[in-house]
Amino acid sequence: MKIPNNETPGFQFKRIALLGMSGLGKTFISQNLSKNDNWSHYSVDYEIGKLLFKNEHENLFEGFTIDNLTNLSNFLGKPGSSSKGGIKFSEYVLRQRLHCEAEKEATLNACSLIEKSPDLSELVCDTSGSICELVNPSDKEDKLLTSLSRNFLIICLEAPDSIYQVLIDRFLARPKPMYYEENFLHSLWQTFKVGSKDTEDKINPDDFMIFGFKALIERRKAIYDMIAKNWGIRLNFENLRNVKTAADLMEAVQSEIESKVKS
């Protein structure tokens, strides 16, 4: 763990890893850099799908693109009543484990690209929103964060509470499958069942997703704050609205690095 500076390879070679919750603009920024400035865009979510959609799940790769990652959510599914589109909780846990391993592999593969070509530049690693569930930002030897920070400049996207409320409202309108750290998932599931009048096979999957998301968003905010503090920098959602080009982004990054070094 060290404070990023203008001499770090990630800054010098314009290699950045965008971290943050889904909906804060990681993919939007990445696609802008790719389309407007010809940066390479490595989508961890897309790479996860490539690893997962094999054998009996091969059909999910049809129509799966960086611009349409819906089938990754379809793979995860939601626990609860099968008559309401749910799957058994045991199956849900199994898919969570498969996603976890695929996300680790896909993230490390991004680092391997650079380790094989150290002079690779203008590359954005668009991480999955669940990476915070796979790391321990307080562990200076955390494998994923060590690899990312060695090869990229880690940028955590943050937002005011009003934007997080927008994310919650959006989720309430259309609940989607999510990845949870397994111990946290079991705790949520047990708590939800205690408060539900339904048996496990009658639970409405969307009800659990909504219950889980409200707890998840607070948990993830805290973890991302710690990642930014220990492993990278943070850029505010409001500031990112002014970012149109790679030059704009690197200017904002340099300003934040200088602020962090002084603090």
C-alpha atoms as a PDB file:
ATOM      1  CA  MET A   1       0.000   0.000   0.000  1.00  0.00           C
ATOM      2  CA  LYS A   2       1.476   3.307  -1.048  1.00  0.00           C
ATOM      3  CA  ILE A   3       0.262   6.730  -2.104  1.00  0.00           C
ATOM      4  CA  PRO A   4       0.091   6.951  -5.907  1.00  0.00           C
ATOM      5  CA  ASN A   5       2.195   9.686  -7.485  1.00  0.00           C
ATOM      6  CA  ASN A   6       3.072  11.018 -10.915  1.00  0.00           C
ATOM      7  CA  GLU A   7       5.961   8.552 -11.153  1.00  0.00           C
ATOM      8  CA  THR A   8       3.858   5.415 -10.770  1.00  0.00           C
ATOM      9  CA  PRO A   9       3.659   3.280 -13.950  1.00  0.00           C
ATOM     10  CA  GLY A  10      -0.124   3.524 -14.006  1.00  0.00           C
ATOM     11  CA  PHE A  11       0.045   7.295 -14.336  1.00  0.00           C
ATOM     12  CA  GLN A  12       3.104   7.408 -16.583  1.00  0.00           C
ATOM     13  CA  PHE A  13       1.695   4.902 -19.076  1.00  0.00           C
ATOM     14  CA  LYS A  14      -1.920   6.065 -18.732  1.00  0.00           C
ATOM     15  CA  ARG A  15      -3.194   2.780 -17.380  1.00  0.00           C
ATOM     16  CA  ILE A  16      -6.119   3.141 -15.021  1.00  0.00           C
ATOM     17  CA  ALA A  17      -8.381   0.735 -13.164  1.00  0.00           C
ATOM     18  CA  LEU A  18     -11.837   2.148 -12.466  1.00  0.00           C
ATOM     19  CA  LEU A  19     -13.483   0.848  -9.301  1.00  0.00           C
ATOM     20  CA  GLY A  20     -16.891   1.633  -7.868  1.00  0.00           C
ATOM     21  CA  MET A  21     -20.449   0.463  -7.593  1.00  0.00           C
ATOM     22  CA  SER A  22     -22.486  -0.383 -10.665  1.00  0.00           C
ATOM     23  CA  GLY A  23     -24.188   2.691 -12.042  1.00  0.00           C
ATOM     24  CA  LEU A  24     -21.503   5.258 -11.179  1.00  0.00           C
ATOM     25  CA  GLY A  25     -20.096   5.443 -14.704  1.00  0.00           C
ATOM     26  CA  LYS A  26     -17.136   3.047 -14.959  1.00  0.00           C
ATOM     27  CA  THR A  27     -18.241   1.613 -18.294  1.00  0.00           C
ATOM     28  CA  PHE A  28     -19.416   5.001 -19.602  1.00  0.00           C
ATOM     29  CA  ILE A  29     -16.000   6.543 -18.946  1.00  0.00           C
ATOM     30  CA  SER A  30     -14.223   3.500 -20.364  1.00  0.00           C
ATOM     31  CA  GLN A  31     -16.239   3.568 -23.569  1.00  0.00           C
ATOM     32  CA  ASN A  32     -15.629   7.299 -23.993  1.00  0.00           C
ATOM     33  CA  LEU A  33     -11.889   6.755 -23.670  1.00  0.00           C
ATOM     34  CA  SER A  34     -12.088   3.939 -26.195  1.00  0.00           C
ATOM     35  CA  LYS A  35     -14.235   5.779 -28.739  1.00  0.00           C
ATOM     36  CA  ASN A  36     -12.816   9.288 -28.421  1.00  0.00           C
ATOM     37  CA  ASP A  37      -9.155   8.662 -27.602  1.00  0.00           C
ATOM     38  CA  ASN A  38      -8.562   5.141 -28.882  1.00  0.00           C
ATOM     39  CA  TRP A  39      -7.747   3.695 -25.456  1.00  0.00           C
ATOM     40  CA  SER A  40      -8.036  -0.055 -24.994  1.00  0.00           C
ATOM     41  CA  HIS A  41     -11.062  -1.022 -22.899  1.00  0.00           C
ATOM     42  CA  TYR A  42     -10.767  -4.167 -20.771  1.00  0.00           C
ATOM     43  CA  SER A  43     -14.177  -5.047 -19.346  1.00  0.00           C
ATOM     44  CA  VAL A  44     -13.868  -7.417 -16.400  1.00  0.00           C
ATOM     45  CA  ASP A  45     -17.606  -8.205 -16.516  1.00  0.00           C
ATOM     46  CA  TYR A  46     -17.320  -9.238 -20.159  1.00  0.00           C
ATOM     47  CA  GLU A  47     -14.270 -11.386 -19.397  1.00  0.00           C
ATOM     48  CA  ILE A  48     -16.173 -13.026 -16.511  1.00  0.00           C
ATOM     49  CA  GLY A  49     -18.886 -14.031 -18.955  1.00  0.00           C
ATOM     50  CA  LYS A  50     -16.344 -15.522 -21.349  1.00  0.00           C
ATOM     51  CA  LEU A  51     -15.052 -17.692 -18.510  1.00  0.00           C
ATOM     52  CA  LEU A  52     -18.484 -18.709 -17.191  1.00  0.00           C
ATOM     53  CA  PHE A  53     -20.502 -19.269 -20.334  1.00  0.00           C
ATOM     54  CA  LYS A  54     -19.257 -22.718 -21.201  1.00  0.00           C
ATOM     55  CA  ASN A  55     -20.791 -26.181 -21.392  1.00  0.00           C
ATOM     56  CA  GLU A  56     -24.402 -26.031 -20.144  1.00  0.00           C
ATOM     57  CA  HIS A  57     -24.274 -22.227 -20.004  1.00  0.00           C
ATOM     58  CA  GLU A  58     -22.885 -21.819 -23.514  1.00  0.00           C
ATOM     59  CA  ASN A  59     -26.181 -20.380 -24.785  1.00  0.00           C
ATOM     60  CA  LEU A  60     -25.735 -17.327 -22.550  1.00  0.00           C
ATOM     61  CA  PHE A  61     -22.845 -16.147 -24.715  1.00  0.00           C
ATOM     62  CA  GLU A  62     -25.267 -15.430 -27.553  1.00  0.00           C
ATOM     63  CA  GLY A  63     -25.891 -11.683 -27.655  1.00  0.00           C
ATOM     64  CA  PHE A  64     -23.421 -11.104 -24.805  1.00  0.00           C
ATOM     65  CA  THR A  65     -21.253  -8.045 -25.501  1.00  0.00           C
ATOM     66  CA  ILE A  66     -19.483  -5.271 -23.605  1.00  0.00           C
ATOM     67  CA  ASP A  67     -22.540  -3.166 -24.373  1.00  0.00           C
ATOM     68  CA  ASN A  68     -24.993  -5.845 -23.244  1.00  0.00           C
ATOM     69  CA  LEU A  69     -23.949  -7.715 -20.086  1.00  0.00           C
ATOM     70  CA  THR A  70     -27.467  -8.791 -19.137  1.00  0.00           C
ATOM     71  CA  ASN A  71     -26.720 -12.499 -19.394  1.00  0.00           C
ATOM     72  CA  LEU A  72     -24.166 -12.227 -16.593  1.00  0.00           C
ATOM     73  CA  SER A  73     -27.039 -11.260 -14.300  1.00  0.00           C
ATOM     74  CA  ASN A  74     -29.142 -14.044 -15.798  1.00  0.00           C
ATOM     75  CA  PHE A  75     -26.407 -16.516 -14.908  1.00  0.00           C
ATOM     76  CA  LEU A  76     -26.369 -15.449 -11.250  1.00  0.00           C
ATOM     77  CA  GLY A  77     -30.135 -15.661 -10.870  1.00  0.00           C
ATOM     78  CA  LYS A  78     -32.130 -14.877  -7.731  1.00  0.00           C
ATOM     79  CA  PRO A  79     -32.944 -17.195  -4.819  1.00  0.00           C
ATOM     80  CA  GLY A  80     -36.584 -17.923  -4.089  1.00  0.00           C
ATOM     81  CA  SER A  81     -39.769 -19.340  -5.566  1.00  0.00           C
ATOM     82  CA  SER A  82     -39.309 -21.034  -8.940  1.00  0.00           C
ATOM     83  CA  SER A  83     -42.808 -19.915  -9.931  1.00  0.00           C
ATOM     84  CA  LYS A  84     -41.545 -16.327  -9.651  1.00  0.00           C
ATOM     85  CA  GLY A  85     -38.312 -16.919 -11.543  1.00  0.00           C
ATOM     86  CA  GLY A  86     -36.176 -17.905  -8.565  1.00  0.00           C
ATOM     87  CA  ILE A  87     -33.677 -20.710  -8.037  1.00  0.00           C
ATOM     88  CA  LYS A  88     -32.815 -22.764  -4.960  1.00  0.00           C
ATOM     89  CA  PHE A  89     -30.563 -20.967  -2.500  1.00  0.00           C
ATOM     90  CA  SER A  90     -27.986 -23.772  -2.735  1.00  0.00           C
ATOM     91  CA  GLU A  91     -27.812 -23.280  -6.512  1.00  0.00           C
ATOM     92  CA  TYR A  92     -27.554 -19.524  -6.023  1.00  0.00           C
ATOM     93  CA  VAL A  93     -24.582 -19.993  -3.691  1.00  0.00           C
ATOM     94  CA  LEU A  94     -22.905 -22.309  -6.211  1.00  0.00           C
ATOM     95  CA  ARG A  95     -23.253 -19.723  -8.974  1.00  0.00           C
ATOM     96  CA  GLN A  96     -21.919 -17.034  -6.650  1.00  0.00           C
ATOM     97  CA  ARG A  97     -18.812 -19.129  -6.062  1.00  0.00           C
ATOM     98  CA  LEU A  98     -18.293 -19.650  -9.789  1.00  0.00           C
ATOM     99  CA  HIS A  99     -18.676 -15.911 -10.377  1.00  0.00           C
ATOM    100  CA  CYS A 100     -16.196 -15.167  -7.586  1.00  0.00           C
ATOM    101  CA  GLU A 101     -13.480 -17.364  -9.087  1.00  0.00           C
ATOM    102  CA  ALA A 102     -14.135 -16.061 -12.603  1.00  0.00           C
ATOM    103  CA  GLU A 103     -13.942 -12.443 -11.418  1.00  0.00           C
ATOM    104  CA  LYS A 104     -10.618 -13.059  -9.690  1.00  0.00           C
ATOM    105  CA  GLU A 105      -9.222 -14.708 -12.813  1.00  0.00           C
ATOM    106  CA  ALA A 106     -10.542 -12.019 -15.160  1.00  0.00           C
ATOM    107  CA  THR A 107      -9.111  -9.226 -12.989  1.00  0.00           C
ATOM    108  CA  LEU A 108      -5.692 -10.849 -12.733  1.00  0.00           C
ATOM    109  CA  ASN A 109      -5.712 -11.476 -16.486  1.00  0.00           C
ATOM    110  CA  ALA A 110      -5.856  -7.702 -17.000  1.00  0.00           C
ATOM    111  CA  CYS A 111      -2.682  -7.410 -14.947  1.00  0.00           C
ATOM    112  CA  SER A 112      -1.062 -10.224 -16.921  1.00  0.00           C
ATOM    113  CA  LEU A 113      -1.538  -8.251 -20.134  1.00  0.00           C
ATOM    114  CA  ILE A 114       0.747  -5.560 -18.729  1.00  0.00           C
ATOM    115  CA  GLU A 115       3.219  -7.944 -17.156  1.00  0.00           C
ATOM    116  CA  LYS A 116       3.676  -9.488 -20.608  1.00  0.00           C
ATOM    117  CA  SER A 117       3.926  -6.053 -22.271  1.00  0.00           C
ATOM    118  CA  PRO A 118       5.266  -3.567 -19.670  1.00  0.00           C
ATOM    119  CA  ASP A 119       5.162  -0.648 -22.117  1.00  0.00           C
ATOM    120  CA  LEU A 120       1.448  -1.094 -22.802  1.00  0.00           C
ATOM    121  CA  SER A 121      -0.242   2.289 -22.464  1.00  0.00           C
ATOM    122  CA  GLU A 122      -3.649   3.976 -22.669  1.00  0.00           C
ATOM    123  CA  LEU A 123      -5.534   1.064 -21.156  1.00  0.00           C
ATOM    124  CA  VAL A 124      -8.571   1.265 -18.903  1.00  0.00           C
ATOM    125  CA  CYS A 125      -9.550  -1.705 -16.745  1.00  0.00           C
ATOM    126  CA  ASP A 126     -13.301  -1.452 -16.191  1.00  0.00           C
ATOM    127  CA  THR A 127     -13.642  -3.581 -13.055  1.00  0.00           C
ATOM    128  CA  SER A 128     -16.756  -5.347 -11.854  1.00  0.00           C
ATOM    129  CA  GLY A 129     -18.844  -3.583  -9.211  1.00  0.00           C
ATOM    130  CA  SER A 130     -18.349  -6.570  -6.930  1.00  0.00           C
ATOM    131  CA  ILE A 131     -14.544  -6.428  -6.762  1.00  0.00           C
ATOM    132  CA  CYS A 132     -14.852  -4.852  -3.315  1.00  0.00           C
ATOM    133  CA  GLU A 133     -16.356  -8.152  -2.107  1.00  0.00           C
ATOM    134  CA  LEU A 134     -13.234 -10.059  -3.119  1.00  0.00           C
ATOM    135  CA  VAL A 135     -10.549  -7.955  -1.441  1.00  0.00           C
ATOM    136  CA  ASN A 136      -9.336  -6.845   1.965  1.00  0.00           C
ATOM    137  CA  PRO A 137      -8.148  -3.232   1.558  1.00  0.00           C
ATOM    138  CA  SER A 138      -6.517  -3.344   5.016  1.00  0.00           C
ATOM    139  CA  ASP A 139      -4.229  -6.204   3.969  1.00  0.00           C
ATOM    140  CA  LYS A 140      -1.093  -4.780   2.366  1.00  0.00           C
ATOM    141  CA  GLU A 141      -0.528  -8.127   0.647  1.00  0.00           C
ATOM    142  CA  ASP A 142      -4.026  -8.511  -0.796  1.00  0.00           C
ATOM    143  CA  LYS A 143      -3.438 -10.334  -4.083  1.00  0.00           C
ATOM    144  CA  LEU A 144      -5.926  -8.508  -6.301  1.00  0.00           C
ATOM    145  CA  LEU A 145      -5.202  -5.011  -5.024  1.00  0.00           C
ATOM    146  CA  THR A 146      -1.442  -5.580  -5.085  1.00  0.00           C
ATOM    147  CA  SER A 147      -1.598  -6.742  -8.702  1.00  0.00           C
ATOM    148  CA  LEU A 148      -3.896  -3.929  -9.777  1.00  0.00           C
ATOM    149  CA  SER A 149      -1.888  -1.193  -8.048  1.00  0.00           C
ATOM    150  CA  ARG A 150       1.378  -2.513  -9.491  1.00  0.00           C
ATOM    151  CA  ASN A 151       0.041  -2.307 -13.045  1.00  0.00           C
ATOM    152  CA  PHE A 152      -2.661   0.363 -12.975  1.00  0.00           C
ATOM    153  CA  LEU A 153      -3.523   3.567 -11.205  1.00  0.00           C
ATOM    154  CA  ILE A 154      -6.547   2.637  -9.070  1.00  0.00           C
ATOM    155  CA  ILE A 155      -9.353   5.179  -9.255  1.00  0.00           C
ATOM    156  CA  CYS A 156     -12.396   4.740  -7.023  1.00  0.00           C
ATOM    157  CA  LEU A 157     -15.505   6.560  -8.199  1.00  0.00           C
ATOM    158  CA  GLU A 158     -17.486   8.192  -5.412  1.00  0.00           C
ATOM    159  CA  ALA A 159     -20.768  10.074  -5.403  1.00  0.00           C
ATOM    160  CA  PRO A 160     -22.961  12.161  -3.110  1.00  0.00           C
ATOM    161  CA  ASP A 161     -25.750  10.469  -1.167  1.00  0.00           C
ATOM    162  CA  SER A 162     -28.287  11.781  -3.676  1.00  0.00           C
ATOM    163  CA  ILE A 163     -26.714   9.684  -6.422  1.00  0.00           C
ATOM    164  CA  TYR A 164     -26.688   6.567  -4.252  1.00  0.00           C
ATOM    165  CA  GLN A 165     -30.378   7.174  -3.651  1.00  0.00           C
ATOM    166  CA  VAL A 166     -30.860   7.231  -7.421  1.00  0.00           C
ATOM    167  CA  LEU A 167     -29.139   3.831  -7.585  1.00  0.00           C
ATOM    168  CA  ILE A 168     -31.460   2.495  -4.882  1.00  0.00           C
ATOM    169  CA  ASP A 169     -34.565   3.871  -6.605  1.00  0.00           C
ATOM    170  CA  ARG A 170     -33.432   2.379  -9.898  1.00  0.00           C
ATOM    171  CA  PHE A 171     -32.909  -0.980  -8.234  1.00  0.00           C
ATOM    172  CA  LEU A 172     -36.308  -0.863  -6.533  1.00  0.00           C
ATOM    173  CA  ALA A 173     -37.920  -0.329  -9.912  1.00  0.00           C
ATOM    174  CA  ARG A 174     -36.049  -3.242 -11.473  1.00  0.00           C
ATOM    175  CA  PRO A 175     -34.272  -5.571  -9.023  1.00  0.00           C
ATOM    176  CA  LYS A 176     -31.421  -7.522 -10.585  1.00  0.00           C
ATOM    177  CA  PRO A 177     -29.150 -10.341  -9.440  1.00  0.00           C
ATOM    178  CA  MET A 178     -26.106  -9.294  -7.431  1.00  0.00           C
ATOM    179  CA  TYR A 179     -22.897 -10.854  -6.154  1.00  0.00           C
ATOM    180  CA  TYR A 180     -22.405 -11.052  -2.364  1.00  0.00           C
ATOM    181  CA  GLU A 181     -19.476 -12.128  -0.226  1.00  0.00           C
ATOM    182  CA  GLU A 182     -20.590 -15.574   0.904  1.00  0.00           C
ATOM    183  CA  ASN A 183     -20.671 -15.071   4.689  1.00  0.00           C
ATOM    184  CA  PHE A 184     -22.529 -11.790   4.216  1.00  0.00           C
ATOM    185  CA  LEU A 185     -24.960 -13.520   1.852  1.00  0.00           C
ATOM    186  CA  HIS A 186     -25.767 -16.280   4.342  1.00  0.00           C
ATOM    187  CA  SER A 187     -26.319 -13.707   7.072  1.00  0.00           C
ATOM    188  CA  LEU A 188     -28.669 -11.684   4.854  1.00  0.00           C
ATOM    189  CA  TRP A 189     -30.604 -14.777   3.791  1.00  0.00           C
ATOM    190  CA  GLN A 190     -31.125 -15.958   7.351  1.00  0.00           C
ATOM    191  CA  THR A 191     -32.193 -12.500   8.528  1.00  0.00           C
ATOM    192  CA  PHE A 192     -34.592 -12.156   5.609  1.00  0.00           C
ATOM    193  CA  LYS A 193     -36.166 -15.576   6.250  1.00  0.00           C
ATOM    194  CA  VAL A 194     -36.716 -14.749   9.922  1.00  0.00           C
ATOM    195  CA  GLY A 195     -38.663 -11.648   8.943  1.00  0.00           C
ATOM    196  CA  SER A 196     -40.609 -13.311   6.131  1.00  0.00           C
ATOM    197  CA  LYS A 197     -43.930 -15.086   6.483  1.00  0.00           C
ATOM    198  CA  ASP A 198     -43.058 -17.305   3.487  1.00  0.00           C
ATOM    199  CA  THR A 199     -41.198 -20.583   3.473  1.00  0.00           C
ATOM    200  CA  GLU A 200     -37.935 -20.678   1.522  1.00  0.00           C
ATOM    201  CA  ASP A 201     -39.558 -22.107  -1.618  1.00  0.00           C
ATOM    202  CA  LYS A 202     -42.255 -19.396  -1.566  1.00  0.00           C
ATOM    203  CA  ILE A 203     -40.018 -16.348  -1.124  1.00  0.00           C
ATOM    204  CA  ASN A 204     -40.369 -13.696  -3.804  1.00  0.00           C
ATOM    205  CA  PRO A 205     -36.863 -13.417  -5.333  1.00  0.00           C
ATOM    206  CA  ASP A 206     -37.233  -9.678  -5.953  1.00  0.00           C
ATOM    207  CA  ASP A 207     -38.139  -9.068  -2.312  1.00  0.00           C
ATOM    208  CA  PHE A 208     -34.856 -10.613  -1.216  1.00  0.00           C
ATOM    209  CA  MET A 209     -32.877  -8.752  -3.868  1.00  0.00           C
ATOM    210  CA  ILE A 210     -34.277  -5.428  -2.636  1.00  0.00           C
ATOM    211  CA  PHE A 211     -33.614  -6.350   0.992  1.00  0.00           C
ATOM    212  CA  GLY A 212     -30.047  -7.373   0.148  1.00  0.00           C
ATOM    213  CA  PHE A 213     -29.243  -4.367  -2.023  1.00  0.00           C
ATOM    214  CA  LYS A 214     -30.058  -1.837   0.676  1.00  0.00           C
ATOM    215  CA  ALA A 215     -27.568  -3.535   3.004  1.00  0.00           C
ATOM    216  CA  LEU A 216     -25.067  -4.123   0.219  1.00  0.00           C
ATOM    217  CA  ILE A 217     -24.810  -0.512  -0.902  1.00  0.00           C
ATOM    218  CA  GLU A 218     -23.740   0.726   2.551  1.00  0.00           C
ATOM    219  CA  ARG A 219     -21.269  -2.122   2.908  1.00  0.00           C
ATOM    220  CA  ARG A 220     -19.699  -1.444  -0.482  1.00  0.00           C
ATOM    221  CA  LYS A 221     -19.407   2.307   0.061  1.00  0.00           C
ATOM    222  CA  ALA A 222     -17.302   1.662   3.156  1.00  0.00           C
ATOM    223  CA  ILE A 223     -15.034  -0.842   1.393  1.00  0.00           C
ATOM    224  CA  TYR A 224     -14.475   1.397  -1.622  1.00  0.00           C
ATOM    225  CA  ASP A 225     -13.606   4.280   0.694  1.00  0.00           C
ATOM    226  CA  MET A 226     -10.920   2.114   2.270  1.00  0.00           C
ATOM    227  CA  ILE A 227      -9.591   1.000  -1.128  1.00  0.00           C
ATOM    228  CA  ALA A 228      -9.248   4.634  -2.220  1.00  0.00           C
ATOM    229  CA  LYS A 229      -7.513   5.540   1.018  1.00  0.00           C
ATOM    230  CA  ASN A 230      -5.020   2.679   0.999  1.00  0.00           C
ATOM    231  CA  TRP A 231      -4.510   1.794  -2.649  1.00  0.00           C
ATOM    232  CA  GLY A 232      -5.414   4.615  -5.005  1.00  0.00           C
ATOM    233  CA  ILE A 233      -7.272   7.845  -5.409  1.00  0.00           C
ATOM    234  CA  ARG A 234     -10.919   8.847  -5.569  1.00  0.00           C
ATOM    235  CA  LEU A 235     -12.704  10.924  -8.174  1.00  0.00           C
ATOM    236  CA  ASN A 236     -16.061  12.466  -7.392  1.00  0.00           C
ATOM    237  CA  PHE A 237     -19.065  11.846  -9.612  1.00  0.00           C
ATOM    238  CA  GLU A 238     -19.643  15.586  -9.934  1.00  0.00           C
ATOM    239  CA  ASN A 239     -16.111  16.188 -11.218  1.00  0.00           C
ATOM    240  CA  LEU A 240     -16.437  13.386 -13.736  1.00  0.00           C
ATOM    241  CA  ARG A 241     -19.275  15.188 -15.471  1.00  0.00           C
ATOM    242  CA  ASN A 242     -16.651  17.557 -16.872  1.00  0.00           C
ATOM    243  CA  VAL A 243     -14.481  14.749 -18.202  1.00  0.00           C
ATOM    244  CA  LYS A 244     -14.911  14.480 -21.967  1.00  0.00           C
ATOM    245  CA  THR A 245     -11.474  13.351 -23.097  1.00  0.00           C
ATOM    246  CA  ALA A 246      -8.479  11.396 -21.844  1.00  0.00           C
ATOM    247  CA  ALA A 247      -6.684  14.702 -21.315  1.00  0.00           C
ATOM    248  CA  ASP A 248      -9.514  15.873 -19.050  1.00  0.00           C
ATOM    249  CA  LEU A 249      -9.344  12.661 -17.075  1.00  0.00           C
ATOM    250  CA  MET A 250      -5.583  12.713 -16.606  1.00  0.00           C
ATOM    251  CA  GLU A 251      -5.777  16.357 -15.518  1.00  0.00           C
ATOM    252  CA  ALA A 252      -8.355  15.438 -12.887  1.00  0.00           C
ATOM    253  CA  VAL A 253      -6.217  12.475 -11.829  1.00  0.00           C
ATOM    254  CA  GLN A 254      -3.092  14.606 -11.477  1.00  0.00           C
ATOM    255  CA  SER A 255      -4.970  17.152  -9.388  1.00  0.00           C
ATOM    256  CA  GLU A 256      -6.256  14.435  -7.061  1.00  0.00           C
ATOM    257  CA  ILE A 257      -2.819  12.828  -6.745  1.00  0.00           C
ATOM    258  CA  GLU A 258      -1.300  16.175  -5.794  1.00  0.00           C
ATOM    259  CA  SER A 259      -4.024  16.713  -3.203  1.00  0.00           C
ATOM    260  CA  LYS A 260      -3.456  13.272  -1.710  1.00  0.00           C
ATOM    261  CA  VAL A 261       0.313  13.709  -1.528  1.00  0.00           C
ATOM    262  CA  LYS A 262      -0.125  17.022   0.317  1.00  0.00           C
ATOM    263  CA  SER A 263      -2.657  15.653   2.806  1.00  0.00           C
END
